PDB file of N, CA and C in Angstrom:
ATOM      1  N   MET A   1      14.243  43.220 100.862  1.00  0.00           N
ATOM      2  CA  MET A   1      14.878  43.161  99.563  1.00  0.00           C
ATOM      3  C   MET A   1      14.806  44.510  98.870  1.00  0.00           C
ATOM      4  N   THR A   2      15.878  44.905  98.231  1.00  0.00           N
ATOM      5  CA  THR A   2      15.888  46.203  97.558  1.00  0.00           C
ATOM      6  C   THR A   2      15.090  46.120  96.257  1.00  0.00           C
ATOM      7  N   ASN A   3      14.588  47.276  95.859  1.00  0.00           N
ATOM      8  CA  ASN A   3      13.853  47.321  94.573  1.00  0.00           C
ATOM      9  C   ASN A   3      14.837  47.107  93.429  1.00  0.00           C
ATOM     10  N   ARG A   4      14.413  46.388  92.422  1.00  0.00           N
ATOM     11  CA  ARG A   4      15.248  46.088  91.268  1.00  0.00           C
ATOM     12  C   ARG A   4      14.690  46.871  90.076  1.00  0.00           C
ATOM     13  N   VAL A   5      15.579  47.305  89.210  1.00  0.00           N
ATOM     14  CA  VAL A   5      15.219  48.018  88.018  1.00  0.00           C
ATOM     15  C   VAL A   5      15.825  47.297  86.819  1.00  0.00           C
ATOM     16  N   LYS A   6      15.007  46.985  85.872  1.00  0.00           N
ATOM     17  CA  LYS A   6      15.472  46.305  84.658  1.00  0.00           C
ATOM     18  C   LYS A   6      16.090  47.334  83.728  1.00  0.00           C
ATOM     19  N   ARG A   7      17.364  47.107  83.334  1.00  0.00           N
ATOM     20  CA  ARG A   7      18.045  47.998  82.413  1.00  0.00           C
ATOM     21  C   ARG A   7      18.664  47.187  81.302  1.00  0.00           C
ATOM     22  N   THR A   8      18.867  47.793  80.187  1.00  0.00           N
ATOM     23  CA  THR A   8      19.560  47.171  79.064  1.00  0.00           C
ATOM     24  C   THR A   8      20.758  47.974  78.705  1.00  0.00           C
ATOM     25  N   TYR A   9      21.927  47.329  78.656  1.00  0.00           N
ATOM     26  CA  TYR A   9      23.188  48.009  78.308  1.00  0.00           C
ATOM     27  C   TYR A   9      23.782  47.289  77.109  1.00  0.00           C
ATOM     28  N   ASN A  10      24.431  48.045  76.279  1.00  0.00           N
ATOM     29  CA  ASN A  10      25.145  47.466  75.132  1.00  0.00           C
ATOM     30  C   ASN A  10      26.589  47.242  75.538  1.00  0.00           C
ATOM     31  N   LEU A  11      26.920  45.979  75.771  1.00  0.00           N
ATOM     32  CA  LEU A  11      28.276  45.626  76.205  1.00  0.00           C
ATOM     33  C   LEU A  11      28.979  44.829  75.138  1.00  0.00           C
ATOM     34  N   SER A  12      30.298  44.880  75.146  1.00  0.00           N
ATOM     35  CA  SER A  12      31.033  44.100  74.168  1.00  0.00           C
ATOM     36  C   SER A  12      30.870  42.617  74.526  1.00  0.00           C
ATOM     37  N   GLU A  13      31.067  41.773  73.526  1.00  0.00           N
ATOM     38  CA  GLU A  13      30.974  40.338  73.718  1.00  0.00           C
ATOM     39  C   GLU A  13      32.016  39.881  74.758  1.00  0.00           C
ATOM     40  N   THR A  14      33.178  40.480  74.729  1.00  0.00           N
ATOM     41  CA  THR A  14      34.208  40.158  75.708  1.00  0.00           C
ATOM     42  C   THR A  14      33.746  40.428  77.143  1.00  0.00           C
ATOM     43  N   THR A  15      33.131  41.579  77.339  1.00  0.00           N
ATOM     44  CA  THR A  15      32.622  41.921  78.663  1.00  0.00           C
ATOM     45  C   THR A  15      31.541  40.963  79.131  1.00  0.00           C
ATOM     46  N   VAL A  16      30.632  40.626  78.223  1.00  0.00           N
ATOM     47  CA  VAL A  16      29.569  39.677  78.568  1.00  0.00           C
ATOM     48  C   VAL A  16      30.184  38.326  78.938  1.00  0.00           C
ATOM     49  N   GLN A  17      31.159  37.865  78.184  1.00  0.00           N
ATOM     50  CA  GLN A  17      31.796  36.571  78.457  1.00  0.00           C
ATOM     51  C   GLN A  17      32.509  36.639  79.820  1.00  0.00           C
ATOM     52  N   ARG A  18      33.159  37.731  80.105  1.00  0.00           N
ATOM     53  CA  ARG A  18      33.834  37.845  81.385  1.00  0.00           C
ATOM     54  C   ARG A  18      32.877  37.842  82.574  1.00  0.00           C
ATOM     55  N   VAL A  19      31.761  38.524  82.389  1.00  0.00           N
ATOM     56  CA  VAL A  19      30.734  38.500  83.454  1.00  0.00           C
ATOM     57  C   VAL A  19      30.250  37.075  83.683  1.00  0.00           C
ATOM     58  N   ARG A  20      29.994  36.363  82.600  1.00  0.00           N
ATOM     59  CA  ARG A  20      29.565  34.957  82.730  1.00  0.00           C
ATOM     60  C   ARG A  20      30.617  34.116  83.443  1.00  0.00           C
ATOM     61  N   GLU A  21      31.889  34.275  83.069  1.00  0.00           N
ATOM     62  CA  GLU A  21      32.968  33.534  83.706  1.00  0.00           C
ATOM     63  C   GLU A  21      33.101  33.896  85.183  1.00  0.00           C
ATOM     64  N   LEU A  22      32.976  35.185  85.486  1.00  0.00           N
ATOM     65  CA  LEU A  22      33.106  35.602  86.890  1.00  0.00           C
ATOM     66  C   LEU A  22      32.007  35.000  87.750  1.00  0.00           C
ATOM     67  N   ALA A  23      30.811  34.881  87.185  1.00  0.00           N
ATOM     68  CA  ALA A  23      29.692  34.303  87.911  1.00  0.00           C
ATOM     69  C   ALA A  23      29.769  32.774  87.956  1.00  0.00           C
ATOM     70  N   GLY A  24      30.096  32.162  86.815  1.00  0.00           N
ATOM     71  CA  GLY A  24      30.091  30.718  86.717  1.00  0.00           C
ATOM     72  C   GLY A  24      31.414  30.056  87.149  1.00  0.00           C
ATOM     73  N   LYS A  25      32.420  30.283  86.380  1.00  0.00           N
ATOM     74  CA  LYS A  25      33.716  29.612  86.619  1.00  0.00           C
ATOM     75  C   LYS A  25      34.384  30.064  87.935  1.00  0.00           C
ATOM     76  N   TYR A  26      34.400  31.378  88.178  1.00  0.00           N
ATOM     77  CA  TYR A  26      35.132  31.876  89.349  1.00  0.00           C
ATOM     78  C   TYR A  26      34.240  32.102  90.566  1.00  0.00           C
ATOM     79  N   GLU A  27      32.957  32.002  90.379  1.00  0.00           N
ATOM     80  CA  GLU A  27      31.959  32.155  91.456  1.00  0.00           C
ATOM     81  C   GLU A  27      32.181  33.391  92.289  1.00  0.00           C
ATOM     82  N   VAL A  28      32.449  34.507  91.610  1.00  0.00           N
ATOM     83  CA  VAL A  28      32.639  35.789  92.291  1.00  0.00           C
ATOM     84  C   VAL A  28      31.347  36.226  92.938  1.00  0.00           C
ATOM     85  N   ALA A  29      30.228  35.893  92.325  1.00  0.00           N
ATOM     86  CA  ALA A  29      28.903  36.221  92.845  1.00  0.00           C
ATOM     87  C   ALA A  29      27.926  35.135  92.391  1.00  0.00           C
ATOM     88  N   LYS A  30      26.731  35.174  92.970  1.00  0.00           N
ATOM     89  CA  LYS A  30      25.790  34.120  92.681  1.00  0.00           C
ATOM     90  C   LYS A  30      25.100  34.240  91.322  1.00  0.00           C
ATOM     91  N   SER A  31      25.168  35.431  90.707  1.00  0.00           N
ATOM     92  CA  SER A  31      24.527  35.634  89.422  1.00  0.00           C
ATOM     93  C   SER A  31      25.339  36.657  88.617  1.00  0.00           C
ATOM     94  N   GLN A  32      25.021  36.749  87.333  1.00  0.00           N
ATOM     95  CA  GLN A  32      25.672  37.741  86.495  1.00  0.00           C
ATOM     96  C   GLN A  32      25.297  39.143  86.948  1.00  0.00           C
ATOM     97  N   ASP A  33      24.051  39.355  87.343  1.00  0.00           N
ATOM     98  CA  ASP A  33      23.625  40.642  87.869  1.00  0.00           C
ATOM     99  C   ASP A  33      24.449  41.009  89.103  1.00  0.00           C
ATOM    100  N   ALA A  34      24.678  40.034  89.962  1.00  0.00           N
ATOM    101  CA  ALA A  34      25.437  40.293  91.192  1.00  0.00           C
ATOM    102  C   ALA A  34      26.905  40.605  90.878  1.00  0.00           C
ATOM    103  N   VAL A  35      27.440  40.010  89.826  1.00  0.00           N
ATOM    104  CA  VAL A  35      28.815  40.328  89.412  1.00  0.00           C
ATOM    105  C   VAL A  35      28.881  41.801  89.018  1.00  0.00           C
ATOM    106  N   VAL A  36      27.935  42.260  88.226  1.00  0.00           N
ATOM    107  CA  VAL A  36      27.922  43.654  87.794  1.00  0.00           C
ATOM    108  C   VAL A  36      27.734  44.575  88.981  1.00  0.00           C
ATOM    109  N   GLU A  37      26.838  44.243  89.903  1.00  0.00           N
ATOM    110  CA  GLU A  37      26.651  45.053  91.106  1.00  0.00           C
ATOM    111  C   GLU A  37      27.930  45.119  91.955  1.00  0.00           C
ATOM    112  N   PHE A  38      28.579  43.980  92.071  1.00  0.00           N
ATOM    113  CA  PHE A  38      29.825  43.926  92.825  1.00  0.00           C
ATOM    114  C   PHE A  38      30.868  44.836  92.195  1.00  0.00           C
ATOM    115  N   ALA A  39      31.016  44.753  90.864  1.00  0.00           N
ATOM    116  CA  ALA A  39      32.001  45.549  90.161  1.00  0.00           C
ATOM    117  C   ALA A  39      31.698  47.057  90.297  1.00  0.00           C
ATOM    118  N   VAL A  40      30.440  47.417  90.147  1.00  0.00           N
ATOM    119  CA  VAL A  40      30.061  48.831  90.272  1.00  0.00           C
ATOM    120  C   VAL A  40      30.304  49.321  91.672  1.00  0.00           C
ATOM    121  N   ASP A  41      29.898  48.526  92.670  1.00  0.00           N
ATOM    122  CA  ASP A  41      30.143  48.882  94.075  1.00  0.00           C
ATOM    123  C   ASP A  41      31.627  49.097  94.341  1.00  0.00           C
ATOM    124  N   ARG A  42      32.417  48.229  93.809  1.00  0.00           N
ATOM    125  CA  ARG A  42      33.882  48.289  94.040  1.00  0.00           C
ATOM    126  C   ARG A  42      34.450  49.554  93.382  1.00  0.00           C
ATOM    127  N   ILE A  43      34.085  49.842  92.155  1.00  0.00           N
ATOM    128  CA  ILE A  43      34.574  51.028  91.470  1.00  0.00           C
ATOM    129  C   ILE A  43      34.072  52.270  92.165  1.00  0.00           C
ATOM    130  N   TYR A  44      32.822  52.260  92.555  1.00  0.00           N
ATOM    131  CA  TYR A  44      32.256  53.434  93.284  1.00  0.00           C
ATOM    132  C   TYR A  44      33.019  53.673  94.563  1.00  0.00           C
ATOM    133  N   GLY A  45      33.298  52.605  95.299  1.00  0.00           N
ATOM    134  CA  GLY A  45      34.081  52.743  96.529  1.00  0.00           C
ATOM    135  C   GLY A  45      35.463  53.303  96.280  1.00  0.00           C
ATOM    136  N   GLU A  46      36.124  52.859  95.199  1.00  0.00           N
ATOM    137  CA  GLU A  46      37.435  53.373  94.860  1.00  0.00           C
ATOM    138  C   GLU A  46      37.374  54.847  94.543  1.00  0.00           C
ATOM    139  N   MET A  47      36.357  55.287  93.825  1.00  0.00           N
ATOM    140  CA  MET A  47      36.212  56.722  93.500  1.00  0.00           C
ATOM    141  C   MET A  47      35.952  57.527  94.741  1.00  0.00           C
ATOM    142  N   ARG A  48      35.143  56.995  95.635  1.00  0.00           N
ATOM    143  CA  ARG A  48      34.835  57.681  96.892  1.00  0.00           C
ATOM    144  C   ARG A  48      36.100  57.772  97.754  1.00  0.00           C
ATOM    145  N   ASP A  49      36.904  56.720  97.778  1.00  0.00           N
ATOM    146  CA  ASP A  49      38.163  56.737  98.536  1.00  0.00           C
ATOM    147  C   ASP A  49      39.145  57.743  97.956  1.00  0.00           C
ATOM    148  N   ARG A  50      39.204  57.836  96.642  1.00  0.00           N
ATOM    149  CA  ARG A  50      40.114  58.826  95.994  1.00  0.00           C
ATOM    150  C   ARG A  50      39.658  60.264  96.387  1.00  0.00           C
ATOM    151  N   GLU A  51      38.364  60.466  96.345  1.00  0.00           N
ATOM    152  CA  GLU A  51      37.854  61.792  96.654  1.00  0.00           C
ATOM    153  C   GLU A  51      38.162  62.114  98.130  1.00  0.00           C
ATOM    154  N   GLU A  52      37.963  61.153  99.018  1.00  0.00           N
ATOM    155  CA  GLU A  52      38.267  61.376 100.424  1.00  0.00           C
ATOM    156  C   GLU A  52      39.753  61.624 100.640  1.00  0.00           C
ATOM    157  N   SER A  53      40.612  60.902  99.957  1.00  0.00           N
ATOM    158  CA  SER A  53      42.043  61.104 100.074  1.00  0.00           C
ATOM    159  C   SER A  53      42.449  62.503  99.595  1.00  0.00           C
ATOM    160  N   ALA A  54      41.822  62.963  98.536  1.00  0.00           N
ATOM    161  CA  ALA A  54      42.110  64.306  98.043  1.00  0.00           C
ATOM    162  C   ALA A  54      41.674  65.356  99.062  1.00  0.00           C
ATOM    163  N   LEU A  55      40.536  65.129  99.716  1.00  0.00           N
ATOM    164  CA  LEU A  55      40.071  66.063 100.751  1.00  0.00           C
ATOM    165  C   LEU A  55      41.012  66.107 101.927  1.00  0.00           C
ATOM    166  N   TRP A  56      41.529  64.925 102.366  1.00  0.00           N
ATOM    167  CA  TRP A  56      42.473  64.884 103.465  1.00  0.00           C
ATOM    168  C   TRP A  56      43.792  65.547 103.074  1.00  0.00           C
ATOM    169  N   ALA A  57      44.203  65.325 101.842  1.00  0.00           N
ATOM    170  CA  ALA A  57      45.449  65.982 101.395  1.00  0.00           C
ATOM    171  C   ALA A  57      45.308  67.478 101.382  1.00  0.00           C
ATOM    172  N   SER A  58      44.127  67.937 100.938  1.00  0.00           N
ATOM    173  CA  SER A  58      43.861  69.363 100.969  1.00  0.00           C
ATOM    174  C   SER A  58      43.840  69.912 102.402  1.00  0.00           C
ATOM    175  N   ALA A  59      43.252  69.145 103.288  1.00  0.00           N
ATOM    176  CA  ALA A  59      43.166  69.564 104.694  1.00  0.00           C
ATOM    177  C   ALA A  59      44.576  69.647 105.301  1.00  0.00           C
ATOM    178  N   ALA A  60      45.461  68.786 104.878  1.00  0.00           N
ATOM    179  CA  ALA A  60      46.809  68.790 105.415  1.00  0.00           C
ATOM    180  C   ALA A  60      47.544  70.109 105.070  1.00  0.00           C
ATOM    181  N   GLU A  61      47.111  70.756 104.009  1.00  0.00           N
ATOM    182  CA  GLU A  61      47.715  72.009 103.563  1.00  0.00           C
ATOM    183  C   GLU A  61      46.949  73.226 104.052  1.00  0.00           C
ATOM    184  N   ASP A  62      45.857  73.020 104.766  1.00  0.00           N
ATOM    185  CA  ASP A  62      44.989  74.122 105.236  1.00  0.00           C
ATOM    186  C   ASP A  62      45.372  74.539 106.643  1.00  0.00           C
ATOM    187  N   PRO A  63      45.930  75.735 106.793  1.00  0.00           N
ATOM    188  CA  PRO A  63      46.392  76.189 108.098  1.00  0.00           C
ATOM    189  C   PRO A  63      45.269  76.247 109.167  1.00  0.00           C
ATOM    190  N   GLU A  64      44.069  76.624 108.750  1.00  0.00           N
ATOM    191  CA  GLU A  64      42.952  76.673 109.710  1.00  0.00           C
ATOM    192  C   GLU A  64      42.606  75.277 110.223  1.00  0.00           C
ATOM    193  N   PHE A  65      42.567  74.304 109.321  1.00  0.00           N
ATOM    194  CA  PHE A  65      42.283  72.940 109.730  1.00  0.00           C
ATOM    195  C   PHE A  65      43.385  72.431 110.658  1.00  0.00           C
ATOM    196  N   GLN A  66      44.631  72.670 110.295  1.00  0.00           N
ATOM    197  CA  GLN A  66      45.732  72.220 111.107  1.00  0.00           C
ATOM    198  C   GLN A  66      45.684  72.836 112.511  1.00  0.00           C
ATOM    199  N   ALA A  67      45.357  74.122 112.586  1.00  0.00           N
ATOM    200  CA  ALA A  67      45.237  74.794 113.889  1.00  0.00           C
ATOM    201  C   ALA A  67      44.125  74.171 114.718  1.00  0.00           C
ATOM    202  N   GLU A  68      43.005  73.913 114.066  1.00  0.00           N
ATOM    203  CA  GLU A  68      41.868  73.285 114.775  1.00  0.00           C
ATOM    204  C   GLU A  68      42.243  71.880 115.300  1.00  0.00           C
ATOM    205  N   MET A  69      42.890  71.112 114.459  1.00  0.00           N
ATOM    206  CA  MET A  69      43.271  69.746 114.875  1.00  0.00           C
ATOM    207  C   MET A  69      44.333  69.779 115.973  1.00  0.00           C
ATOM    208  N   SER A  70      45.250  70.714 115.897  1.00  0.00           N
ATOM    209  CA  SER A  70      46.243  70.847 116.958  1.00  0.00           C
ATOM    210  C   SER A  70      45.577  71.214 118.282  1.00  0.00           C
ATOM    211  N   GLY A  71      44.556  72.082 118.201  1.00  0.00           N
ATOM    212  CA  GLY A  71      43.809  72.449 119.406  1.00  0.00           C
ATOM    213  C   GLY A  71      43.082  71.269 119.983  1.00  0.00           C
ATOM    214  N   ILE A  72      42.476  70.477 119.141  1.00  0.00           N
ATOM    215  CA  ILE A  72      41.779  69.296 119.631  1.00  0.00           C
ATOM    216  C   ILE A  72      42.743  68.308 120.253  1.00  0.00           C
ATOM    217  N   ALA A  73      43.871  68.085 119.582  1.00  0.00           N
ATOM    218  CA  ALA A  73      44.892  67.172 120.116  1.00  0.00           C
ATOM    219  C   ALA A  73      45.384  67.662 121.480  1.00  0.00           C
ATOM    220  N   ALA A  74      45.593  68.968 121.578  1.00  0.00           N
ATOM    221  CA  ALA A  74      46.075  69.538 122.860  1.00  0.00           C
ATOM    222  C   ALA A  74      45.013  69.351 123.941  1.00  0.00           C
ATOM    223  N   ASN A  75      43.762  69.531 123.619  1.00  0.00           N
ATOM    224  CA  ASN A  75      42.666  69.319 124.576  1.00  0.00           C
ATOM    225  C   ASN A  75      42.609  67.901 125.086  1.00  0.00           C
ATOM    226  N   PHE A  76      42.987  66.971 124.250  1.00  0.00           N
ATOM    227  CA  PHE A  76      42.951  65.559 124.640  1.00  0.00           C
ATOM    228  C   PHE A  76      44.324  65.047 125.128  1.00  0.00           C
ATOM    229  N   GLY A  77      45.282  65.972 125.213  1.00  0.00           N
ATOM    230  CA  GLY A  77      46.606  65.583 125.695  1.00  0.00           C
ATOM    231  C   GLY A  77      47.333  64.614 124.775  1.00  0.00           C
ATOM    232  N   ASP A  78      47.060  64.713 123.461  1.00  0.00           N
ATOM    233  CA  ASP A  78      47.624  63.776 122.474  1.00  0.00           C
ATOM    234  C   ASP A  78      48.758  64.445 121.728  1.00  0.00           C
ATOM    235  N   LYS A  79      49.725  64.963 122.409  1.00  0.00           N
ATOM    236  CA  LYS A  79      50.785  65.717 121.744  1.00  0.00           C
ATOM    237  C   LYS A  79      51.838  64.803 121.091  1.00  0.00           C
ATOM    238  N   ASP A  80      51.943  63.569 121.555  1.00  0.00           N
ATOM    239  CA  ASP A  80      52.977  62.700 121.043  1.00  0.00           C
ATOM    240  C   ASP A  80      52.600  62.016 119.725  1.00  0.00           C
ATOM    241  N   THR A  81      51.326  61.767 119.500  1.00  0.00           N
ATOM    242  CA  THR A  81      50.946  60.982 118.310  1.00  0.00           C
ATOM    243  C   THR A  81      50.403  61.823 117.172  1.00  0.00           C
ATOM    244  N   TRP A  82      50.077  63.079 117.414  1.00  0.00           N
ATOM    245  CA  TRP A  82      49.517  63.895 116.333  1.00  0.00           C
ATOM    246  C   TRP A  82      50.665  64.421 115.455  1.00  0.00           C
ATOM    247  N   PRO A  83      50.581  64.194 114.138  1.00  0.00           N
ATOM    248  CA  PRO A  83      51.652  64.643 113.256  1.00  0.00           C
ATOM    249  C   PRO A  83      51.683  66.161 113.176  1.00  0.00           C
ATOM    250  N   ARG A  84      52.867  66.689 113.034  1.00  0.00           N
ATOM    251  CA  ARG A  84      53.050  68.139 112.945  1.00  0.00           C
ATOM    252  C   ARG A  84      53.672  68.503 111.610  1.00  0.00           C
TER     253      ARG A  84
END
């Protein structure tokens, strides 16, 4: 089991009600704490995915990266499926 840390946050009443509903009515998670963890994990994953997408977009414009990837594709005989 992971270590737990007790924290206090000042949330709007609407947010508190929504967390309760997500845990109780919609059974998104087994507890209100788990709903918050789920939400944070999801947002964190989305941010990480955006960052990764930006890095790949940058790589697509990098001539050195493209040359390296073309070389790798050529070494593996993958000329038909690698985008140019």
